[in-house]
């Protein structure tokens, strides 16, 4: 990941197989501002990478829910850094 790239991590529940992963990836990749998506079935997480404009958290949640899954937490890279400092 380059210096300009940032990420948001979403906890996505109810994924059970590779098809679920593909469905979530496809749904998130069409959200404006998203450059790349990496979904981990085991961790039940989707890492959304962006550069220029941060994608709307509301749009990310909406996309995952429309694909049939639940999103229960959103954590940005900035939040993770704050947590480490505290």
PDB file of N, CA and C in Angstrom:
ATOM      1  N   UNK A   1       0.850  -1.175   0.000  1.00  0.00           N
ATOM      2  CA  UNK A   1       0.000   0.000   0.000  1.00  0.00           C
ATOM      3  C   UNK A   1       0.891   1.232   0.000  1.00  0.00           C
ATOM      4  N   UNK A   2       0.632   2.147  -0.916  1.00  0.00           N
ATOM      5  CA  UNK A   2       1.439   3.365  -0.995  1.00  0.00           C
ATOM      6  C   UNK A   2       1.045   4.338   0.105  1.00  0.00           C
ATOM      7  N   UNK A   3       1.849   5.413   0.241  1.00  0.00           N
ATOM      8  CA  UNK A   3       1.579   6.413   1.271  1.00  0.00           C
ATOM      9  C   UNK A   3       0.227   7.068   1.084  1.00  0.00           C
ATOM     10  N   UNK A   4      -0.207   7.221  -0.148  1.00  0.00           N
ATOM     11  CA  UNK A   4      -1.463   7.900  -0.448  1.00  0.00           C
ATOM     12  C   UNK A   4      -2.674   7.008  -0.204  1.00  0.00           C
ATOM     13  N   UNK A   5      -2.491   5.710  -0.237  1.00  0.00           N
ATOM     14  CA  UNK A   5      -3.608   4.789  -0.044  1.00  0.00           C
ATOM     15  C   UNK A   5      -3.970   4.681   1.433  1.00  0.00           C
ATOM     16  N   UNK A   6      -5.252   4.620   1.689  1.00  0.00           N
ATOM     17  CA  UNK A   6      -5.768   4.438   3.038  1.00  0.00           C
ATOM     18  C   UNK A   6      -6.775   3.307   2.981  1.00  0.00           C
ATOM     19  N   UNK A   7      -7.209   2.851   4.155  1.00  0.00           N
ATOM     20  CA  UNK A   7      -8.149   1.740   4.140  1.00  0.00           C
ATOM     21  C   UNK A   7      -9.183   1.841   5.251  1.00  0.00           C
ATOM     22  N   UNK A   8     -10.256   1.142   5.025  1.00  0.00           N
ATOM     23  CA  UNK A   8     -11.329   0.979   5.995  1.00  0.00           C
ATOM     24  C   UNK A   8     -11.542  -0.524   6.131  1.00  0.00           C
ATOM     25  N   UNK A   9     -11.689  -1.004   7.359  1.00  0.00           N
ATOM     26  CA  UNK A   9     -11.964  -2.417   7.577  1.00  0.00           C
ATOM     27  C   UNK A   9     -13.397  -2.569   8.075  1.00  0.00           C
ATOM     28  N   UNK A  10     -14.139  -3.430   7.403  1.00  0.00           N
ATOM     29  CA  UNK A  10     -15.514  -3.707   7.783  1.00  0.00           C
ATOM     30  C   UNK A  10     -15.603  -5.128   8.309  1.00  0.00           C
ATOM     31  N   UNK A  11     -16.308  -5.312   9.394  1.00  0.00           N
ATOM     32  CA  UNK A  11     -16.597  -6.653   9.881  1.00  0.00           C
ATOM     33  C   UNK A  11     -17.917  -7.075   9.259  1.00  0.00           C
ATOM     34  N   UNK A  12     -17.850  -8.091   8.432  1.00  0.00           N
ATOM     35  CA  UNK A  12     -19.014  -8.562   7.686  1.00  0.00           C
ATOM     36  C   UNK A  12     -19.411  -9.926   8.245  1.00  0.00           C
ATOM     37  N   UNK A  13     -20.647 -10.047   8.695  1.00  0.00           N
ATOM     38  CA  UNK A  13     -21.096 -11.323   9.257  1.00  0.00           C
ATOM     39  C   UNK A  13     -21.946 -12.071   8.247  1.00  0.00           C
ATOM     40  N   UNK A  14     -22.106 -13.356   8.506  1.00  0.00           N
ATOM     41  CA  UNK A  14     -22.951 -14.253   7.720  1.00  0.00           C
ATOM     42  C   UNK A  14     -22.319 -14.713   6.409  1.00  0.00           C
ATOM     43  N   UNK A  15     -21.004 -14.535   6.240  1.00  0.00           N
ATOM     44  CA  UNK A  15     -20.329 -15.104   5.068  1.00  0.00           C
ATOM     45  C   UNK A  15     -19.963 -16.546   5.405  1.00  0.00           C
ATOM     46  N   UNK A  16     -20.235 -17.467   4.466  1.00  0.00           N
ATOM     47  CA  UNK A  16     -20.008 -18.885   4.743  1.00  0.00           C
ATOM     48  C   UNK A  16     -19.113 -19.600   3.738  1.00  0.00           C
ATOM     49  N   UNK A  17     -18.872 -18.965   2.566  1.00  0.00           N
ATOM     50  CA  UNK A  17     -18.133 -19.684   1.524  1.00  0.00           C
ATOM     51  C   UNK A  17     -17.462 -18.702   0.563  1.00  0.00           C
ATOM     52  N   UNK A  18     -16.761 -19.251  -0.406  1.00  0.00           N
ATOM     53  CA  UNK A  18     -16.065 -18.429  -1.398  1.00  0.00           C
ATOM     54  C   UNK A  18     -17.040 -17.588  -2.225  1.00  0.00           C
ATOM     55  N   UNK A  19     -18.227 -18.093  -2.461  1.00  0.00           N
ATOM     56  CA  UNK A  19     -19.231 -17.321  -3.198  1.00  0.00           C
ATOM     57  C   UNK A  19     -19.649 -16.081  -2.409  1.00  0.00           C
ATOM     58  N   UNK A  20     -19.740 -16.220  -1.103  1.00  0.00           N
ATOM     59  CA  UNK A  20     -20.073 -15.076  -0.246  1.00  0.00           C
ATOM     60  C   UNK A  20     -18.980 -14.016  -0.358  1.00  0.00           C
ATOM     61  N   UNK A  21     -17.740 -14.445  -0.315  1.00  0.00           N
ATOM     62  CA  UNK A  21     -16.606 -13.532  -0.432  1.00  0.00           C
ATOM     63  C   UNK A  21     -16.675 -12.783  -1.756  1.00  0.00           C
ATOM     64  N   UNK A  22     -16.908 -13.506  -2.833  1.00  0.00           N
ATOM     65  CA  UNK A  22     -16.987 -12.886  -4.158  1.00  0.00           C
ATOM     66  C   UNK A  22     -18.142 -11.894  -4.241  1.00  0.00           C
ATOM     67  N   UNK A  23     -19.262 -12.224  -3.633  1.00  0.00           N
ATOM     68  CA  UNK A  23     -20.426 -11.340  -3.653  1.00  0.00           C
ATOM     69  C   UNK A  23     -20.142 -10.034  -2.915  1.00  0.00           C
ATOM     70  N   UNK A  24     -19.489 -10.127  -1.756  1.00  0.00           N
ATOM     71  CA  UNK A  24     -19.152  -8.935  -0.969  1.00  0.00           C
ATOM     72  C   UNK A  24     -18.127  -8.090  -1.727  1.00  0.00           C
ATOM     73  N   UNK A  25     -17.100  -8.726  -2.280  1.00  0.00           N
ATOM     74  CA  UNK A  25     -16.086  -7.990  -3.053  1.00  0.00           C
ATOM     75  C   UNK A  25     -16.726  -7.238  -4.216  1.00  0.00           C
ATOM     76  N   UNK A  26     -17.574  -7.910  -4.955  1.00  0.00           N
ATOM     77  CA  UNK A  26     -18.231  -7.299  -6.111  1.00  0.00           C
ATOM     78  C   UNK A  26     -19.087  -6.109  -5.684  1.00  0.00           C
ATOM     79  N   UNK A  27     -19.818  -6.264  -4.595  1.00  0.00           N
ATOM     80  CA  UNK A  27     -20.691  -5.190  -4.112  1.00  0.00           C
ATOM     81  C   UNK A  27     -19.893  -3.963  -3.685  1.00  0.00           C
ATOM     82  N   UNK A  28     -18.754  -4.178  -3.038  1.00  0.00           N
ATOM     83  CA  UNK A  28     -17.953  -3.056  -2.546  1.00  0.00           C
ATOM     84  C   UNK A  28     -17.151  -2.367  -3.641  1.00  0.00           C
ATOM     85  N   UNK A  29     -16.730  -3.118  -4.644  1.00  0.00           N
ATOM     86  CA  UNK A  29     -15.900  -2.537  -5.707  1.00  0.00           C
ATOM     87  C   UNK A  29     -16.624  -1.494  -6.539  1.00  0.00           C
ATOM     88  N   UNK A  30     -17.945  -1.509  -6.542  1.00  0.00           N
ATOM     89  CA  UNK A  30     -18.695  -0.529  -7.331  1.00  0.00           C
ATOM     90  C   UNK A  30     -18.994   0.757  -6.570  1.00  0.00           C
ATOM     91  N   UNK A  31     -18.660   0.802  -5.282  1.00  0.00           N
ATOM     92  CA  UNK A  31     -18.894   2.008  -4.487  1.00  0.00           C
ATOM     93  C   UNK A  31     -17.889   3.076  -4.901  1.00  0.00           C
ATOM     94  N   UNK A  32     -18.375   4.286  -5.105  1.00  0.00           N
ATOM     95  CA  UNK A  32     -17.530   5.402  -5.536  1.00  0.00           C
ATOM     96  C   UNK A  32     -16.398   5.643  -4.537  1.00  0.00           C
ATOM     97  N   UNK A  33     -15.183   5.741  -5.054  1.00  0.00           N
ATOM     98  CA  UNK A  33     -14.005   5.999  -4.234  1.00  0.00           C
ATOM     99  C   UNK A  33     -13.201   4.760  -3.890  1.00  0.00           C
ATOM    100  N   UNK A  34     -13.783   3.579  -4.069  1.00  0.00           N
ATOM    101  CA  UNK A  34     -13.098   2.329  -3.727  1.00  0.00           C
ATOM    102  C   UNK A  34     -12.112   1.976  -4.833  1.00  0.00           C
ATOM    103  N   UNK A  35     -10.853   1.737  -4.440  1.00  0.00           N
ATOM    104  CA  UNK A  35      -9.824   1.317  -5.385  1.00  0.00           C
ATOM    105  C   UNK A  35      -9.659  -0.196  -5.406  1.00  0.00           C
ATOM    106  N   UNK A  36      -9.730  -0.821  -4.223  1.00  0.00           N
ATOM    107  CA  UNK A  36      -9.527  -2.263  -4.138  1.00  0.00           C
ATOM    108  C   UNK A  36     -10.257  -2.801  -2.918  1.00  0.00           C
ATOM    109  N   UNK A  37     -10.589  -4.079  -2.964  1.00  0.00           N
ATOM    110  CA  UNK A  37     -11.270  -4.745  -1.856  1.00  0.00           C
ATOM    111  C   UNK A  37     -10.614  -6.096  -1.632  1.00  0.00           C
ATOM    112  N   UNK A  38     -10.385  -6.421  -0.370  1.00  0.00           N
ATOM    113  CA  UNK A  38      -9.861  -7.728  -0.005  1.00  0.00           C
ATOM    114  C   UNK A  38     -10.748  -8.282   1.113  1.00  0.00           C
ATOM    115  N   UNK A  39     -11.404  -9.409   0.848  1.00  0.00           N
ATOM    116  CA  UNK A  39     -12.315  -9.994   1.832  1.00  0.00           C
ATOM    117  C   UNK A  39     -11.700 -11.268   2.392  1.00  0.00           C
ATOM    118  N   UNK A  40     -11.721 -11.379   3.720  1.00  0.00           N
ATOM    119  CA  UNK A  40     -11.178 -12.542   4.405  1.00  0.00           C
ATOM    120  C   UNK A  40     -12.336 -13.301   5.049  1.00  0.00           C
ATOM    121  N   UNK A  41     -12.609 -14.495   4.553  1.00  0.00           N
ATOM    122  CA  UNK A  41     -13.717 -15.302   5.047  1.00  0.00           C
ATOM    123  C   UNK A  41     -13.505 -15.719   6.501  1.00  0.00           C
ATOM    124  N   UNK A  42     -12.299 -16.149   6.826  1.00  0.00           N
ATOM    125  CA  UNK A  42     -12.006 -16.637   8.172  1.00  0.00           C
ATOM    126  C   UNK A  42     -12.204 -15.532   9.218  1.00  0.00           C
ATOM    127  N   UNK A  43     -11.693 -14.330   8.933  1.00  0.00           N
ATOM    128  CA  UNK A  43     -11.815 -13.210   9.874  1.00  0.00           C
ATOM    129  C   UNK A  43     -13.138 -12.478   9.755  1.00  0.00           C
ATOM    130  N   UNK A  44     -13.917 -12.814   8.716  1.00  0.00           N
ATOM    131  CA  UNK A  44     -15.192 -12.132   8.468  1.00  0.00           C
ATOM    132  C   UNK A  44     -14.977 -10.622   8.308  1.00  0.00           C
ATOM    133  N   UNK A  45     -13.933 -10.257   7.559  1.00  0.00           N
ATOM    134  CA  UNK A  45     -13.610  -8.846   7.368  1.00  0.00           C
ATOM    135  C   UNK A  45     -13.390  -8.518   5.895  1.00  0.00           C
ATOM    136  N   UNK A  46     -13.693  -7.273   5.572  1.00  0.00           N
ATOM    137  CA  UNK A  46     -13.421  -6.748   4.236  1.00  0.00           C
ATOM    138  C   UNK A  46     -12.574  -5.504   4.394  1.00  0.00           C
ATOM    139  N   UNK A  47     -11.420  -5.479   3.741  1.00  0.00           N
ATOM    140  CA  UNK A  47     -10.552  -4.315   3.762  1.00  0.00           C
ATOM    141  C   UNK A  47     -10.752  -3.559   2.458  1.00  0.00           C
ATOM    142  N   UNK A  48     -11.209  -2.312   2.594  1.00  0.00           N
ATOM    143  CA  UNK A  48     -11.488  -1.458   1.441  1.00  0.00           C
ATOM    144  C   UNK A  48     -10.381  -0.424   1.345  1.00  0.00           C
ATOM    145  N   UNK A  49      -9.689  -0.393   0.207  1.00  0.00           N
ATOM    146  CA  UNK A  49      -8.580   0.535   0.000  1.00  0.00           C
ATOM    147  C   UNK A  49      -9.019   1.647  -0.943  1.00  0.00           C
ATOM    148  N   UNK A  50      -8.617   2.879  -0.594  1.00  0.00           N
ATOM    149  CA  UNK A  50      -8.956   4.036  -1.414  1.00  0.00           C
ATOM    150  C   UNK A  50      -7.780   4.994  -1.429  1.00  0.00           C
ATOM    151  N   UNK A  51      -7.763   5.916  -2.408  1.00  0.00           N
ATOM    152  CA  UNK A  51      -6.672   6.889  -2.494  1.00  0.00           C
ATOM    153  C   UNK A  51      -7.190   8.311  -2.394  1.00  0.00           C
ATOM    154  N   UNK A  52      -7.829   8.768  -3.436  1.00  0.00           N
ATOM    155  CA  UNK A  52      -8.182  10.176  -3.541  1.00  0.00           C
ATOM    156  C   UNK A  52      -9.355  10.589  -2.668  1.00  0.00           C
ATOM    157  N   UNK A  53     -10.473   9.944  -2.824  1.00  0.00           N
ATOM    158  CA  UNK A  53     -11.635  10.335  -2.032  1.00  0.00           C
ATOM    159  C   UNK A  53     -12.122   9.156  -1.211  1.00  0.00           C
ATOM    160  N   UNK A  54     -12.316   9.403   0.073  1.00  0.00           N
ATOM    161  CA  UNK A  54     -12.773   8.360   0.974  1.00  0.00           C
ATOM    162  C   UNK A  54     -14.201   7.971   0.611  1.00  0.00           C
ATOM    163  N   UNK A  55     -14.441   6.673   0.442  1.00  0.00           N
ATOM    164  CA  UNK A  55     -15.797   6.252   0.135  1.00  0.00           C
ATOM    165  C   UNK A  55     -16.728   6.520   1.322  1.00  0.00           C
ATOM    166  N   UNK A  56     -17.967   6.785   1.040  1.00  0.00           N
ATOM    167  CA  UNK A  56     -18.957   7.021   2.084  1.00  0.00           C
ATOM    168  C   UNK A  56     -19.167   5.740   2.890  1.00  0.00           C
ATOM    169  N   UNK A  57     -19.043   5.850   4.212  1.00  0.00           N
ATOM    170  CA  UNK A  57     -19.269   4.679   5.055  1.00  0.00           C
ATOM    171  C   UNK A  57     -20.697   4.182   4.892  1.00  0.00           C
ATOM    172  N   UNK A  58     -21.627   5.110   4.738  1.00  0.00           N
ATOM    173  CA  UNK A  58     -23.027   4.743   4.527  1.00  0.00           C
ATOM    174  C   UNK A  58     -23.178   3.915   3.249  1.00  0.00           C
ATOM    175  N   UNK A  59     -22.494   4.316   2.175  1.00  0.00           N
ATOM    176  CA  UNK A  59     -22.584   3.586   0.907  1.00  0.00           C
ATOM    177  C   UNK A  59     -21.945   2.198   1.015  1.00  0.00           C
ATOM    178  N   UNK A  60     -20.860   2.087   1.766  1.00  0.00           N
ATOM    179  CA  UNK A  60     -20.222   0.780   1.966  1.00  0.00           C
ATOM    180  C   UNK A  60     -21.166  -0.165   2.708  1.00  0.00           C
ATOM    181  N   UNK A  61     -21.772   0.338   3.777  1.00  0.00           N
ATOM    182  CA  UNK A  61     -22.716  -0.470   4.559  1.00  0.00           C
ATOM    183  C   UNK A  61     -23.901  -0.871   3.692  1.00  0.00           C
ATOM    184  N   UNK A  62     -24.429   0.079   2.959  1.00  0.00           N
ATOM    185  CA  UNK A  62     -25.579  -0.172   2.085  1.00  0.00           C
ATOM    186  C   UNK A  62     -25.254  -1.253   1.055  1.00  0.00           C
ATOM    187  N   UNK A  63     -24.063  -1.185   0.464  1.00  0.00           N
ATOM    188  CA  UNK A  63     -23.658  -2.161  -0.553  1.00  0.00           C
ATOM    189  C   UNK A  63     -23.575  -3.574   0.022  1.00  0.00           C
ATOM    190  N   UNK A  64     -22.990  -3.699   1.211  1.00  0.00           N
ATOM    191  CA  UNK A  64     -22.854  -5.022   1.835  1.00  0.00           C
ATOM    192  C   UNK A  64     -24.226  -5.566   2.219  1.00  0.00           C
ATOM    193  N   UNK A  65     -25.076  -4.718   2.780  1.00  0.00           N
ATOM    194  CA  UNK A  65     -26.416  -5.168   3.167  1.00  0.00           C
ATOM    195  C   UNK A  65     -27.236  -5.565   1.942  1.00  0.00           C
ATOM    196  N   UNK A  66     -27.086  -4.821   0.854  1.00  0.00           N
ATOM    197  CA  UNK A  66     -27.812  -5.143  -0.380  1.00  0.00           C
ATOM    198  C   UNK A  66     -27.369  -6.502  -0.927  1.00  0.00           C
ATOM    199  N   UNK A  67     -26.097  -6.855  -0.682  1.00  0.00           N
ATOM    200  CA  UNK A  67     -25.577  -8.157  -1.115  1.00  0.00           C
ATOM    201  C   UNK A  67     -26.059  -9.288  -0.209  1.00  0.00           C
ATOM    202  N   UNK A  68     -26.702  -8.928   0.913  1.00  0.00           N
ATOM    203  CA  UNK A  68     -27.286  -9.944   1.784  1.00  0.00           C
ATOM    204  C   UNK A  68     -26.521 -10.243   3.060  1.00  0.00           C
ATOM    205  N   UNK A  69     -25.620  -9.355   3.445  1.00  0.00           N
ATOM    206  CA  UNK A  69     -24.796  -9.596   4.635  1.00  0.00           C
ATOM    207  C   UNK A  69     -24.920  -8.437   5.613  1.00  0.00           C
ATOM    208  N   UNK A  70     -24.519  -8.673   6.830  1.00  0.00           N
ATOM    209  CA  UNK A  70     -24.566  -7.639   7.864  1.00  0.00           C
ATOM    210  C   UNK A  70     -23.179  -7.063   8.108  1.00  0.00           C
ATOM    211  N   UNK A  71     -23.132  -5.785   8.384  1.00  0.00           N
ATOM    212  CA  UNK A  71     -21.897  -5.083   8.722  1.00  0.00           C
ATOM    213  C   UNK A  71     -22.094  -4.559  10.129  1.00  0.00           C
ATOM    214  N   UNK A  72     -21.217  -4.950  11.057  1.00  0.00           N
ATOM    215  CA  UNK A  72     -21.446  -4.499  12.421  1.00  0.00           C
ATOM    216  C   UNK A  72     -20.415  -3.513  12.958  1.00  0.00           C
ATOM    217  N   UNK A  73     -19.271  -3.345  12.283  1.00  0.00           N
ATOM    218  CA  UNK A  73     -18.262  -2.380  12.731  1.00  0.00           C
ATOM    219  C   UNK A  73     -17.518  -1.859  11.507  1.00  0.00           C
ATOM    220  N   UNK A  74     -17.198  -0.585  11.552  1.00  0.00           N
ATOM    221  CA  UNK A  74     -16.310  -0.018  10.539  1.00  0.00           C
ATOM    222  C   UNK A  74     -15.131   0.572  11.286  1.00  0.00           C
ATOM    223  N   UNK A  75     -13.928   0.224  10.853  1.00  0.00           N
ATOM    224  CA  UNK A  75     -12.725   0.754  11.485  1.00  0.00           C
ATOM    225  C   UNK A  75     -11.839   1.329  10.394  1.00  0.00           C
ATOM    226  N   UNK A  76     -11.509   2.603  10.521  1.00  0.00           N
ATOM    227  CA  UNK A  76     -10.610   3.210   9.557  1.00  0.00           C
ATOM    228  C   UNK A  76      -9.179   3.041  10.020  1.00  0.00           C
ATOM    229  N   UNK A  77      -8.264   3.216   9.104  1.00  0.00           N
ATOM    230  CA  UNK A  77      -6.839   3.148   9.428  1.00  0.00           C
ATOM    231  C   UNK A  77      -6.488   4.177  10.505  1.00  0.00           C
ATOM    232  N   UNK A  78      -7.115   5.358  10.431  1.00  0.00           N
ATOM    233  CA  UNK A  78      -6.862   6.415  11.408  1.00  0.00           C
ATOM    234  C   UNK A  78      -7.304   5.983  12.810  1.00  0.00           C
ATOM    235  N   UNK A  79      -8.451   5.281  12.899  1.00  0.00           N
ATOM    236  CA  UNK A  79      -8.933   4.787  14.187  1.00  0.00           C
ATOM    237  C   UNK A  79      -7.941   3.793  14.796  1.00  0.00           C
ATOM    238  N   UNK A  80      -7.405   2.928  13.953  1.00  0.00           N
ATOM    239  CA  UNK A  80      -6.440   1.932  14.419  1.00  0.00           C
ATOM    240  C   UNK A  80      -5.193   2.605  14.969  1.00  0.00           C
ATOM    241  N   UNK A  81      -4.713   3.650  14.301  1.00  0.00           N
ATOM    242  CA  UNK A  81      -3.533   4.362  14.763  1.00  0.00           C
ATOM    243  C   UNK A  81      -3.804   5.062  16.087  1.00  0.00           C
ATOM    244  N   UNK A  82      -4.980   5.645  16.246  1.00  0.00           N
ATOM    245  CA  UNK A  82      -5.349   6.298  17.498  1.00  0.00           C
ATOM    246  C   UNK A  82      -5.364   5.292  18.640  1.00  0.00           C
ATOM    247  N   UNK A  83      -5.899   4.114  18.385  1.00  0.00           N
ATOM    248  CA  UNK A  83      -5.998   3.075  19.413  1.00  0.00           C
ATOM    249  C   UNK A  83      -4.602   2.639  19.862  1.00  0.00           C
ATOM    250  N   UNK A  84      -3.675   2.541  18.930  1.00  0.00           N
ATOM    251  CA  UNK A  84      -2.298   2.151  19.266  1.00  0.00           C
ATOM    252  C   UNK A  84      -1.639   3.206  20.143  1.00  0.00           C
ATOM    253  N   UNK A  85      -1.882   4.478  19.852  1.00  0.00           N
ATOM    254  CA  UNK A  85      -1.255   5.567  20.600  1.00  0.00           C
ATOM    255  C   UNK A  85      -1.774   5.658  22.033  1.00  0.00           C
ATOM    256  N   UNK A  86      -3.032   5.238  22.251  1.00  0.00           N
ATOM    257  CA  UNK A  86      -3.626   5.368  23.602  1.00  0.00           C
ATOM    258  C   UNK A  86      -3.201   4.266  24.501  1.00  0.00           C
TER     259      UNK A  86
END
